[in-house]
C-alpha atoms as a PDB file:
ATOM      1  CA  MET A   1       0.000   0.000   0.000  1.00  0.00           C
ATOM      2  CA  VAL A   2       2.923   2.331   0.692  1.00  0.00           C
ATOM      3  CA  ALA A   3       4.000   2.203  -2.970  1.00  0.00           C
ATOM      4  CA  ALA A   4       0.531   3.301  -4.143  1.00  0.00           C
ATOM      5  CA  LEU A   5       0.488   6.197  -1.676  1.00  0.00           C
ATOM      6  CA  VAL A   6       3.963   7.352  -2.686  1.00  0.00           C
ATOM      7  CA  LEU A   7       2.993   7.135  -6.363  1.00  0.00           C
ATOM      8  CA  GLY A   8      -0.075   9.247  -5.660  1.00  0.00           C
ATOM      9  CA  VAL A   9       2.046  11.858  -3.903  1.00  0.00           C
ATOM     10  CA  TYR A  10       4.531  11.726  -6.778  1.00  0.00           C
ATOM     11  CA  ALA A  11       1.754  12.302  -9.348  1.00  0.00           C
ATOM     12  CA  VAL A  12       0.493  15.344  -7.420  1.00  0.00           C
ATOM     13  CA  ALA A  13       4.018  16.724  -7.014  1.00  0.00           C
ATOM     14  CA  ALA A  14       4.774  16.199 -10.709  1.00  0.00           C
ATOM     15  CA  SER A  15       1.516  17.949 -11.626  1.00  0.00           C
ATOM     16  CA  LEU A  16       2.493  20.952  -9.509  1.00  0.00           C
ATOM     17  CA  LEU A  17       5.908  20.923 -11.178  1.00  0.00           C
ATOM     18  CA  LEU A  18       4.236  21.034 -14.587  1.00  0.00           C
ATOM     19  CA  THR A  19       1.945  23.936 -13.725  1.00  0.00           C
ATOM     20  CA  ARG A  20       4.180  26.096 -11.524  1.00  0.00           C
ATOM     21  CA  VAL A  21       7.861  25.282 -12.007  1.00  0.00           C
ATOM     22  CA  LEU A  22       8.558  24.152 -15.582  1.00  0.00           C
ATOM     23  CA  PRO A  23       6.993  27.255 -17.212  1.00  0.00           C
ATOM     24  CA  ARG A  24       9.472  29.403 -15.264  1.00  0.00           C
ATOM     25  CA  ILE A  25      12.586  27.542 -16.426  1.00  0.00           C
ATOM     26  CA  ALA A  26      13.943  29.848 -19.103  1.00  0.00           C
ATOM     27  CA  GLY A  27      16.418  27.248 -20.341  1.00  0.00           C
ATOM     28  CA  LEU A  28      13.604  25.138 -21.791  1.00  0.00           C
ATOM     29  CA  ARG A  29      12.752  27.977 -24.171  1.00  0.00           C
ATOM     30  CA  ARG A  30      16.395  28.574 -24.962  1.00  0.00           C
ATOM     31  CA  VAL A  31      16.584  25.138 -26.587  1.00  0.00           C
ATOM     32  CA  PRO A  32      12.913  24.504 -27.473  1.00  0.00           C
ATOM     33  CA  ARG A  33      13.400  21.059 -29.002  1.00  0.00           C
ATOM     34  CA  VAL A  34      14.752  19.843 -25.669  1.00  0.00           C
ATOM     35  CA  GLY A  35      11.985  21.724 -23.890  1.00  0.00           C
ATOM     36  CA  ILE A  36       9.333  19.822 -25.835  1.00  0.00           C
ATOM     37  CA  LEU A  37      10.949  16.511 -24.883  1.00  0.00           C
ATOM     38  CA  VAL A  38      11.136  17.477 -21.202  1.00  0.00           C
ATOM     39  CA  TRP A  39       7.484  18.555 -21.117  1.00  0.00           C
ATOM     40  CA  GLN A  40       6.346  15.377 -22.844  1.00  0.00           C
ATOM     41  CA  SER A  41       8.386  13.237 -20.444  1.00  0.00           C
ATOM     42  CA  ALA A  42       6.926  15.039 -17.428  1.00  0.00           C
ATOM     43  CA  VAL A  43       3.361  14.519 -18.691  1.00  0.00           C
ATOM     44  CA  LEU A  44       4.055  10.849 -19.394  1.00  0.00           C
ATOM     45  CA  SER A  45       5.533  10.496 -15.913  1.00  0.00           C
ATOM     46  CA  VAL A  46       2.272  11.733 -14.354  1.00  0.00           C
ATOM     47  CA  LEU A  47       0.236   9.291 -16.444  1.00  0.00           C
ATOM     48  CA  VAL A  48       2.520   6.371 -15.632  1.00  0.00           C
ATOM     49  CA  ALA A  49       2.493   7.206 -11.910  1.00  0.00           C
ATOM     50  CA  GLY A  50      -1.309   7.207 -11.849  1.00  0.00           C
ATOM     51  CA  ALA A  51      -1.536   3.909 -13.700  1.00  0.00           C
ATOM     52  CA  LEU A  52       1.108   2.221 -11.535  1.00  0.00           C
ATOM     53  CA  ALA A  53      -0.594   3.436  -8.350  1.00  0.00           C
ATOM     54  CA  ALA A  54      -3.706   1.535  -9.402  1.00  0.00           C
ATOM     55  CA  VAL A  55      -1.663  -1.543 -10.304  1.00  0.00           C
ATOM     56  CA  ALA A  56       0.151  -1.414  -6.947  1.00  0.00           C
ATOM     57  CA  LEU A  57      -3.172  -1.331  -5.068  1.00  0.00           C
ATOM     58  CA  ALA A  58      -4.537  -4.247  -7.101  1.00  0.00           C
ATOM     59  CA  LEU A  59      -1.324  -6.303  -7.254  1.00  0.00           C
ATOM     60  CA  PRO A  60      -2.253  -8.705  -4.390  1.00  0.00           C
ATOM     61  CA  PHE A  61      -4.968 -10.268  -6.575  1.00  0.00           C
ATOM     62  CA  LEU A  62      -3.522  -9.677 -10.059  1.00  0.00           C
ATOM     63  CA  PRO A  63      -1.750 -12.506 -11.976  1.00  0.00           C
ATOM     64  CA  LEU A  64       1.120 -10.046 -12.374  1.00  0.00           C
ATOM     65  CA  ARG A  65       2.149 -10.848  -8.783  1.00  0.00           C
ATOM     66  CA  PHE A  66       3.480 -14.243  -9.875  1.00  0.00           C
ATOM     67  CA  THR A  67       5.678 -12.723 -12.588  1.00  0.00           C
ATOM     68  CA  LEU A  68       6.990 -10.011 -10.277  1.00  0.00           C
ATOM     69  CA  ALA A  69       7.711 -12.510  -7.484  1.00  0.00           C
ATOM     70  CA  ASP A  70       9.641 -14.752  -9.879  1.00  0.00           C
ATOM     71  CA  ALA A  71      11.602 -11.780 -11.273  1.00  0.00           C
ATOM     72  CA  ALA A  72      12.525 -10.625  -7.765  1.00  0.00           C
ATOM     73  CA  GLY A  73      13.281 -14.169  -6.576  1.00  0.00           C
ATOM     74  CA  ILE A  74      10.961 -13.935  -3.563  1.00  0.00           C
ATOM     75  CA  PRO A  75       7.935 -15.936  -2.371  1.00  0.00           C
ATOM     76  CA  GLU A  76       4.579 -14.726  -3.638  1.00  0.00           C
ATOM     77  CA  VAL A  77       3.284 -14.458  -0.055  1.00  0.00           C
ATOM     78  CA  ALA A  78       6.043 -12.043   0.891  1.00  0.00           C
ATOM     79  CA  LEU A  79       5.336  -9.905  -2.166  1.00  0.00           C
ATOM     80  CA  VAL A  80       1.604  -9.764  -1.480  1.00  0.00           C
ATOM     81  CA  GLU A  81       2.285  -8.799   2.126  1.00  0.00           C
ATOM     82  CA  HIS A  82       4.220  -5.707   1.006  1.00  0.00           C
ATOM     83  CA  TYR A  83       1.517  -4.543  -1.409  1.00  0.00           C
ATOM     84  CA  ALA A  84      -1.589  -5.497   0.585  1.00  0.00           C
ATOM     85  CA  THR A  85      -4.031  -2.911   1.970  1.00  0.00           C
ATOM     86  CA  PRO A  86      -6.253  -3.193   5.058  1.00  0.00           C
ATOM     87  CA  PHE A  87      -9.355  -3.211   2.826  1.00  0.00           C
ATOM     88  CA  ASP A  88      -8.343  -5.745   0.153  1.00  0.00           C
ATOM     89  CA  PRO A  89      -9.476  -6.085  -2.565  1.00  0.00           C
ATOM     90  CA  TRP A  90     -11.765  -3.036  -2.791  1.00  0.00           C
ATOM     91  CA  PRO A  91      -9.197  -0.226  -3.088  1.00  0.00           C
ATOM     92  CA  GLY A  92      -7.466  -2.098  -5.899  1.00  0.00           C
ATOM     93  CA  ILE A  93     -10.727  -2.825  -7.700  1.00  0.00           C
ATOM     94  CA  ALA A  94     -11.837   0.798  -7.438  1.00  0.00           C
ATOM     95  CA  ALA A  95      -8.437   2.039  -8.662  1.00  0.00           C
ATOM     96  CA  LEU A  96      -8.470  -0.337 -11.645  1.00  0.00           C
ATOM     97  CA  VAL A  97     -11.985   0.790 -12.586  1.00  0.00           C
ATOM     98  CA  VAL A  98     -10.899   4.447 -12.516  1.00  0.00           C
ATOM     99  CA  ILE A  99      -7.725   3.816 -14.506  1.00  0.00           C
ATOM    100  CA  ALA A 100      -9.525   1.609 -17.025  1.00  0.00           C
ATOM    101  CA  SER A 101     -12.179   4.290 -17.477  1.00  0.00           C
ATOM    102  CA  CYS A 102      -9.573   7.029 -17.971  1.00  0.00           C
ATOM    103  CA  GLY A 103      -7.509   4.860 -20.291  1.00  0.00           C
ATOM    104  CA  GLY A 104     -10.535   3.868 -22.346  1.00  0.00           C
ATOM    105  CA  THR A 105     -11.689   7.476 -22.633  1.00  0.00           C
ATOM    106  CA  LEU A 106      -8.211   8.579 -23.687  1.00  0.00           C
ATOM    107  CA  ALA A 107      -7.936   5.810 -26.303  1.00  0.00           C
ATOM    108  CA  VAL A 108     -11.337   6.660 -27.780  1.00  0.00           C
ATOM    109  CA  ARG A 109     -10.531  10.359 -27.941  1.00  0.00           C
ATOM    110  CA  LEU A 110      -7.121   9.729 -29.477  1.00  0.00           C
ATOM    111  CA  VAL A 111      -8.720   7.719 -32.277  1.00  0.00           C
ATOM    112  CA  ARG A 112     -11.617  10.148 -32.709  1.00  0.00           C
ATOM    113  CA  ASP A 113      -9.370  13.226 -32.724  1.00  0.00           C
ATOM    114  CA  ALA A 114      -6.987  11.580 -35.180  1.00  0.00           C
ATOM    115  CA  PHE A 115      -9.842  10.873 -37.605  1.00  0.00           C
ATOM    116  CA  GLU A 116     -11.274  14.387 -37.195  1.00  0.00           C
ATOM    117  CA  LEU A 117      -7.886  15.995 -37.826  1.00  0.00           C
ATOM    118  CA  ALA A 118      -7.303  13.780 -40.855  1.00  0.00           C
ATOM    119  CA  ARG A 119     -10.746  14.621 -42.244  1.00  0.00           C
ATOM    120  CA  GLU A 120     -10.282  18.364 -41.730  1.00  0.00           C
ATOM    121  CA  ARG A 121      -6.811  18.335 -43.255  1.00  0.00           C
ATOM    122  CA  ARG A 122      -8.137  16.373 -46.210  1.00  0.00           C
ATOM    123  CA  ARG A 123     -10.812  19.038 -46.656  1.00  0.00           C
ATOM    124  CA  GLN A 124      -8.177  21.782 -46.491  1.00  0.00           C
ATOM    125  CA  HIS A 125      -5.982  20.014 -49.054  1.00  0.00           C
ATOM    126  CA  GLU A 126      -8.974  19.575 -51.377  1.00  0.00           C
ATOM    127  CA  SER A 127      -9.823  23.271 -50.998  1.00  0.00           C
ATOM    128  CA  LEU A 128      -6.282  24.224 -51.948  1.00  0.00           C
ATOM    129  CA  LEU A 129      -6.670  22.302 -55.194  1.00  0.00           C
ATOM    130  CA  VAL A 130      -9.583  24.613 -56.040  1.00  0.00           C
ATOM    131  CA  VAL A 131      -8.524  28.022 -54.687  1.00  0.00           C
ATOM    132  CA  GLY A 132      -4.731  27.683 -54.569  1.00  0.00           C
ATOM    133  CA  THR A 133      -2.041  28.165 -57.176  1.00  0.00           C
ATOM    134  CA  VAL A 134       1.314  26.440 -56.955  1.00  0.00           C
ATOM    135  CA  HIS A 135       4.169  28.948 -56.976  1.00  0.00           C
ATOM    136  CA  ASP A 136       7.407  28.238 -58.837  1.00  0.00           C
ATOM    137  CA  ASP A 137       9.142  27.819 -55.456  1.00  0.00           C
ATOM    138  CA  GLY A 138       6.780  25.003 -54.454  1.00  0.00           C
ATOM    139  CA  PHE A 139       4.409  26.675 -52.000  1.00  0.00           C
ATOM    140  CA  VAL A 140       0.695  27.289 -52.598  1.00  0.00           C
ATOM    141  CA  VAL A 141      -0.666  30.825 -53.073  1.00  0.00           C
ATOM    142  CA  ILE A 142      -4.230  31.654 -52.075  1.00  0.00           C
ATOM    143  CA  GLU A 143      -6.009  34.900 -52.936  1.00  0.00           C
ATOM    144  CA  HIS A 144      -6.622  36.484 -49.541  1.00  0.00           C
ATOM    145  CA  ASP A 145      -6.339  40.036 -48.228  1.00  0.00           C
ATOM    146  CA  THR A 146      -4.956  38.966 -44.831  1.00  0.00           C
ATOM    147  CA  PRO A 147      -1.191  38.294 -44.611  1.00  0.00           C
ATOM    148  CA  VAL A 148      -0.884  34.687 -43.497  1.00  0.00           C
ATOM    149  CA  VAL A 149       1.549  31.824 -43.963  1.00  0.00           C
ATOM    150  CA  TYR A 150       0.925  28.326 -42.635  1.00  0.00           C
ATOM    151  CA  CYS A 151       1.653  24.683 -43.330  1.00  0.00           C
ATOM    152  CA  LEU A 152      -0.656  21.696 -43.666  1.00  0.00           C
ATOM    153  CA  PRO A 153       0.847  18.309 -42.732  1.00  0.00           C
ATOM    154  CA  GLY A 154       0.356  15.521 -45.234  1.00  0.00           C
ATOM    155  CA  GLY A 155      -1.066  12.075 -44.677  1.00  0.00           C
ATOM    156  CA  LEU A 156      -2.915   9.365 -46.605  1.00  0.00           C
ATOM    157  CA  GLY A 157      -0.827   9.953 -49.693  1.00  0.00           C
ATOM    158  CA  ARG A 158      -1.084  13.735 -49.561  1.00  0.00           C
ATOM    159  CA  THR A 159       2.050  15.839 -49.750  1.00  0.00           C
ATOM    160  CA  PRO A 160       2.528  18.446 -46.990  1.00  0.00           C
ATOM    161  CA  ALA A 161       1.775  21.945 -48.203  1.00  0.00           C
ATOM    162  CA  VAL A 162       3.007  25.401 -47.254  1.00  0.00           C
ATOM    163  CA  VAL A 163       0.367  28.061 -47.935  1.00  0.00           C
ATOM    164  CA  VAL A 164       1.025  31.765 -48.490  1.00  0.00           C
ATOM    165  CA  SER A 165      -1.719  34.351 -48.951  1.00  0.00           C
ATOM    166  CA  ARG A 166      -1.451  36.923 -51.718  1.00  0.00           C
ATOM    167  CA  ALA A 167      -1.277  39.691 -49.094  1.00  0.00           C
ATOM    168  CA  ALA A 168       1.689  38.008 -47.385  1.00  0.00           C
ATOM    169  CA  LEU A 169       3.382  37.492 -50.732  1.00  0.00           C
ATOM    170  CA  ASP A 170       3.040  41.202 -51.487  1.00  0.00           C
ATOM    171  CA  LEU A 171       4.197  42.393 -48.040  1.00  0.00           C
ATOM    172  CA  LEU A 172       7.195  40.115 -47.468  1.00  0.00           C
ATOM    173  CA  ASP A 173      10.411  40.746 -49.323  1.00  0.00           C
ATOM    174  CA  GLU A 174      12.347  37.831 -50.828  1.00  0.00           C
ATOM    175  CA  GLU A 175      14.525  37.143 -47.778  1.00  0.00           C
ATOM    176  CA  GLU A 176      11.606  37.411 -45.355  1.00  0.00           C
ATOM    177  CA  ARG A 177       9.607  35.013 -47.469  1.00  0.00           C
ATOM    178  CA  ARG A 178      12.475  32.537 -47.631  1.00  0.00           C
ATOM    179  CA  LEU A 179      12.899  32.576 -43.847  1.00  0.00           C
ATOM    180  CA  VAL A 180       9.169  32.213 -43.191  1.00  0.00           C
ATOM    181  CA  LEU A 181       9.040  29.277 -45.579  1.00  0.00           C
ATOM    182  CA  GLY A 182      11.991  27.772 -43.710  1.00  0.00           C
ATOM    183  CA  HIS A 183      10.022  28.191 -40.491  1.00  0.00           C
ATOM    184  CA  GLU A 184       7.104  26.232 -41.946  1.00  0.00           C
ATOM    185  CA  GLN A 185       9.353  23.507 -43.326  1.00  0.00           C
ATOM    186  CA  ARG A 186      10.844  23.087 -39.861  1.00  0.00           C
ATOM    187  CA  HIS A 187       7.327  22.524 -38.513  1.00  0.00           C
ATOM    188  CA  LEU A 188       6.852  19.748 -41.027  1.00  0.00           C
ATOM    189  CA  THR A 189      10.222  18.046 -40.610  1.00  0.00           C
ATOM    190  CA  GLY A 190       9.967  18.309 -36.817  1.00  0.00           C
ATOM    191  CA  ARG A 191       6.459  16.756 -36.906  1.00  0.00           C
ATOM    192  CA  HIS A 192       5.258  19.367 -34.460  1.00  0.00           C
ATOM    193  CA  HIS A 193       1.656  18.625 -35.413  1.00  0.00           C
ATOM    194  CA  LEU A 194       1.905  15.214 -33.724  1.00  0.00           C
ATOM    195  CA  ALA A 195       3.061  16.669 -30.405  1.00  0.00           C
ATOM    196  CA  LEU A 196       0.344  19.336 -30.555  1.00  0.00           C
ATOM    197  CA  ALA A 197      -2.382  16.836 -31.432  1.00  0.00           C
ATOM    198  CA  LEU A 198      -1.424  14.545 -28.539  1.00  0.00           C
ATOM    199  CA  GLY A 199      -1.242  17.475 -26.128  1.00  0.00           C
ATOM    200  CA  ALA A 200      -4.664  18.736 -27.203  1.00  0.00           C
ATOM    201  CA  THR A 201      -6.254  15.327 -26.694  1.00  0.00           C
ATOM    202  CA  LEU A 202      -4.722  14.943 -23.232  1.00  0.00           C
ATOM    203  CA  ALA A 203      -5.936  18.411 -22.259  1.00  0.00           C
ATOM    204  CA  ARG A 204      -9.465  17.667 -23.466  1.00  0.00           C
ATOM    205  CA  THR A 205      -9.520  14.276 -21.738  1.00  0.00           C
ATOM    206  CA  PHE A 206      -8.164  15.284 -18.340  1.00  0.00           C
ATOM    207  CA  GLY A 207      -9.368  18.862 -18.145  1.00  0.00           C
ATOM    208  CA  ARG A 208      -8.577  22.180 -19.733  1.00  0.00           C
ATOM    209  CA  VAL A 209      -6.816  23.357 -16.582  1.00  0.00           C
ATOM    210  CA  GLY A 210      -3.998  21.755 -14.668  1.00  0.00           C
ATOM    211  CA  PRO A 211      -0.831  20.004 -15.853  1.00  0.00           C
ATOM    212  CA  PHE A 212      -2.054  18.674 -19.193  1.00  0.00           C
ATOM    213  CA  ALA A 213      -3.484  22.001 -20.320  1.00  0.00           C
ATOM    214  CA  ALA A 214      -0.284  23.755 -19.173  1.00  0.00           C
ATOM    215  CA  ALA A 215       1.825  21.268 -21.110  1.00  0.00           C
ATOM    216  CA  HIS A 216      -0.242  21.749 -24.260  1.00  0.00           C
ATOM    217  CA  ARG A 217       0.037  25.549 -24.074  1.00  0.00           C
ATOM    218  CA  GLU A 218       3.787  25.478 -23.504  1.00  0.00           C
ATOM    219  CA  ILE A 219       4.512  22.865 -26.178  1.00  0.00           C
ATOM    220  CA  ALA A 220       2.599  25.023 -28.678  1.00  0.00           C
ATOM    221  CA  VAL A 221       4.915  27.945 -27.903  1.00  0.00           C
ATOM    222  CA  LEU A 222       8.035  25.742 -27.932  1.00  0.00           C
ATOM    223  CA  ALA A 223       7.064  24.281 -31.313  1.00  0.00           C
ATOM    224  CA  GLU A 224       6.927  27.783 -32.782  1.00  0.00           C
ATOM    225  CA  MET A 225      10.249  28.708 -31.184  1.00  0.00           C
ATOM    226  CA  ASP A 226      11.851  25.554 -32.554  1.00  0.00           C
ATOM    227  CA  ALA A 227      10.588  26.452 -36.017  1.00  0.00           C
ATOM    228  CA  ASP A 228      11.934  29.997 -35.540  1.00  0.00           C
ATOM    229  CA  ASP A 229      15.376  28.486 -34.969  1.00  0.00           C
ATOM    230  CA  ALA A 230      15.530  27.569 -38.647  1.00  0.00           C
ATOM    231  CA  ALA A 231      16.921  31.119 -38.834  1.00  0.00           C
ATOM    232  CA  ARG A 232      20.518  30.676 -37.739  1.00  0.00           C
ATOM    233  CA  THR A 233      22.451  33.924 -38.061  1.00  0.00           C
ATOM    234  CA  ALA A 234      21.702  37.129 -36.152  1.00  0.00           C
ATOM    235  CA  ARG A 235      20.726  38.873 -39.394  1.00  0.00           C
ATOM    236  CA  GLN A 236      18.352  36.073 -40.385  1.00  0.00           C
ATOM    237  CA  ARG A 237      16.730  36.108 -36.951  1.00  0.00           C
ATOM    238  CA  ARG A 238      16.136  39.864 -37.094  1.00  0.00           C
ATOM    239  CA  THR A 239      14.650  39.508 -40.549  1.00  0.00           C
ATOM    240  CA  LEU A 240      12.370  36.677 -39.420  1.00  0.00           C
ATOM    241  CA  ALA A 241      11.296  38.788 -36.429  1.00  0.00           C
ATOM    242  CA  ALA A 242      10.294  41.570 -38.823  1.00  0.00           C
ATOM    243  CA  ALA A 243       8.329  39.060 -40.889  1.00  0.00           C
ATOM    244  CA  LEU A 244       6.519  37.823 -37.766  1.00  0.00           C
ATOM    245  CA  VAL A 245       5.450  41.378 -37.001  1.00  0.00           C
ATOM    246  CA  THR A 246       4.121  41.697 -40.551  1.00  0.00           C
ATOM    247  CA  LEU A 247       2.192  38.435 -40.239  1.00  0.00           C
ATOM    248  CA  GLY A 248       0.938  39.173 -36.735  1.00  0.00           C
ATOM    249  CA  THR A 249      -2.555  40.078 -37.949  1.00  0.00           C
ATOM    250  CA  GLY A 250      -2.951  36.864 -39.935  1.00  0.00           C
ATOM    251  CA  CYS A 251      -5.207  33.907 -39.320  1.00  0.00           C
ATOM    252  CA  ARG A 252      -5.025  30.248 -40.313  1.00  0.00           C
ATOM    253  CA  PRO A 253      -7.132  27.054 -40.258  1.00  0.00           C
ATOM    254  CA  GLU A 254      -7.250  25.400 -36.840  1.00  0.00           C
ATOM    255  CA  VAL A 255      -5.564  22.225 -38.138  1.00  0.00           C
ATOM    256  CA  ALA A 256      -2.612  24.141 -39.607  1.00  0.00           C
ATOM    257  CA  LEU A 257       0.573  25.506 -38.064  1.00  0.00           C
ATOM    258  CA  GLY A 258       1.228  29.185 -38.730  1.00  0.00           C
ATOM    259  CA  ALA A 259       4.266  31.401 -38.471  1.00  0.00           C
ATOM    260  CA  GLY A 260       2.906  34.572 -36.937  1.00  0.00           C
ATOM    261  CA  ASP A 261       0.129  33.886 -34.446  1.00  0.00           C
ATOM    262  CA  THR A 262       1.378  31.911 -31.414  1.00  0.00           C
ATOM    263  CA  ALA A 263       3.178  33.949 -28.704  1.00  0.00           C
ATOM    264  CA  ALA A 264       4.417  36.269 -31.452  1.00  0.00           C
ATOM    265  CA  SER A 265       5.651  39.067 -29.177  1.00  0.00           C
ATOM    266  CA  VAL A 266       7.665  36.672 -26.988  1.00  0.00           C
ATOM    267  CA  ARG A 267       9.151  35.037 -30.053  1.00  0.00           C
ATOM    268  CA  VAL A 268      10.086  38.367 -31.626  1.00  0.00           C
ATOM    269  CA  ARG A 269      11.966  39.392 -28.477  1.00  0.00           C
ATOM    270  CA  ARG A 270      13.701  36.013 -28.409  1.00  0.00           C
ATOM    271  CA  LEU A 271      14.737  36.277 -32.063  1.00  0.00           C
ATOM    272  CA  VAL A 272      16.256  39.736 -31.757  1.00  0.00           C
ATOM    273  CA  SER A 273      17.966  39.139 -28.400  1.00  0.00           C
ATOM    274  CA  THR A 274      19.426  35.630 -28.693  1.00  0.00           C
ATOM    275  CA  SER A 275      21.471  33.678 -31.192  1.00  0.00           C
ATOM    276  CA  ALA A 276      20.394  30.325 -32.593  1.00  0.00           C
ATOM    277  CA  PRO A 277      20.684  27.778 -29.755  1.00  0.00           C
ATOM    278  CA  ARG A 278      23.404  25.182 -29.701  1.00  0.00           C
ATOM    279  CA  LEU A 279      23.067  22.295 -27.302  1.00  0.00           C
ATOM    280  CA  GLY A 280      26.317  21.618 -25.482  1.00  0.00           C
ATOM    281  CA  ARG A 281      27.332  18.237 -24.157  1.00  0.00           C
ATOM    282  CA  GLY A 282      26.639  19.235 -20.591  1.00  0.00           C
ATOM    283  CA  GLN A 283      23.204  20.602 -21.447  1.00  0.00           C
ATOM    284  CA  GLY A 284      22.371  17.516 -23.488  1.00  0.00           C
ATOM    285  CA  ALA A 285      23.446  15.211 -20.679  1.00  0.00           C
ATOM    286  CA  LEU A 286      21.411  17.202 -18.156  1.00  0.00           C
ATOM    287  CA  ALA A 287      18.326  17.122 -20.362  1.00  0.00           C
ATOM    288  CA  GLY A 288      18.769  13.403 -20.956  1.00  0.00           C
ATOM    289  CA  LEU A 289      19.096  12.817 -17.217  1.00  0.00           C
ATOM    290  CA  ALA A 290      15.909  14.789 -16.578  1.00  0.00           C
ATOM    291  CA  VAL A 291      13.987  12.746 -19.150  1.00  0.00           C
ATOM    292  CA  VAL A 292      15.279   9.397 -17.853  1.00  0.00           C
ATOM    293  CA  THR A 293      14.544  10.409 -14.255  1.00  0.00           C
ATOM    294  CA  ALA A 294      11.002  11.482 -15.103  1.00  0.00           C
ATOM    295  CA  LEU A 295      10.270   8.168 -16.798  1.00  0.00           C
ATOM    296  CA  ALA A 296      12.140   5.914 -14.355  1.00  0.00           C
ATOM    297  CA  ALA A 297      10.944   7.480 -11.092  1.00  0.00           C
ATOM    298  CA  PRO A 298       7.369   6.087 -11.042  1.00  0.00           C
ATOM    299  CA  VAL A 299       8.561   2.632 -12.118  1.00  0.00           C
ATOM    300  CA  SER A 300      11.230   2.624  -9.408  1.00  0.00           C
ATOM    301  CA  ILE A 301       8.669   3.606  -6.761  1.00  0.00           C
ATOM    302  CA  ALA A 302       6.269   0.890  -7.916  1.00  0.00           C
ATOM    303  CA  VAL A 303       8.816  -1.952  -7.712  1.00  0.00           C
ATOM    304  CA  ALA A 304      10.602  -0.654  -4.595  1.00  0.00           C
ATOM    305  CA  PRO A 305       8.703  -2.937  -2.143  1.00  0.00           C
ATOM    306  CA  ALA A 306       9.559  -6.020  -4.212  1.00  0.00           C
ATOM    307  CA  VAL A 307      13.212  -4.986  -4.431  1.00  0.00           C
ATOM    308  CA  GLU A 308      13.325  -4.255  -0.700  1.00  0.00           C
ATOM    309  CA  THR A 309      11.867  -7.689   0.070  1.00  0.00           C
ATOM    310  CA  ALA A 310      14.356  -9.425  -2.207  1.00  0.00           C
ATOM    311  CA  VAL A 311      17.312  -7.578  -0.664  1.00  0.00           C
ATOM    312  CA  ARG A 312      16.125  -8.267   2.868  1.00  0.00           C
ATOM    313  CA  ASP A 313      15.659 -11.982   2.165  1.00  0.00           C
ATOM    314  CA  CYS A 314      19.070 -12.131   0.510  1.00  0.00           C
ATOM    315  CA  CYS A 315      20.704 -10.502   3.541  1.00  0.00           C
ATOM    316  CA  ALA A 316      18.859 -12.884   5.848  1.00  0.00           C
ATOM    317  CA  LEU A 317      20.164 -15.876   3.899  1.00  0.00           C
ATOM    318  CA  VAL A 318      23.723 -14.529   4.053  1.00  0.00           C
ATOM    319  CA  GLY A 319      23.409 -13.965   7.791  1.00  0.00           C
ATOM    320  CA  ARG A 320      22.221 -17.527   8.423  1.00  0.00           C
ATOM    321  CA  SER A 321      24.931 -19.026   6.256  1.00  0.00           C
ATOM    322  CA  SER A 322      27.657 -17.179   8.142  1.00  0.00           C
END
């Protein structure tokens, strides 16, 4: 029972970290690609902790207890004793029902949202065939008075498309246009739409406030910042910042990723005040350690009673033999 309680405390603490601490760590925005990975790992850690808490409560009557006892090299009775609760089996049954309900709801919404996104993107691609004109440089031009540039991911045999309105084409000079197109290509190659789609589904499933909503909001900003980093030199970054200001009044389809609408003012300040990020070995190692810790912590807590029992029995055997 102790493992389930500790996992519950861990899930609450990790949720508070997601909502109150991670958004204040400036380094995550300095290297946004790493920031996205850290946020995703933290969210996954909360989900895993919740699921393992339910499994820990139900372990005394789950077939999994036999496998875990064999892996730890301890008697099944000793394992059950460390995971048992005073009210067996009802806490475990209730926890499994809650987790199964949440997991089922999440799975259904993931599938439903994926189909809805695919249908809407297919509709957008079909519309572009009617109203769009392919430019010599490969992007699609639409006749629209609002300056807007966005990309539509591909799928189901459709090629990803970068869309530029006629107003944006008229307002942006050649270098600005090239950098904005590079921004959109970075969205596509980085598959940012997948991270955003997953984050949106988690936020809708588990509430529009709290850790999952916070993660979705921050990953949306980090995805734009990562795409901004396609501009490498100081001159390119200043030029892209000017283009973002020009496109700041634009709009785009909900299923698309645009250059000028998400946290534009923050991104402009970042572009003009910082150079393109370069991840050093120390920073990479620290980020990797944070990701591994976030994913390993709930698993370690869940199996700790079994490990403790195995170590104690091993020490007892050594003591008797000596």
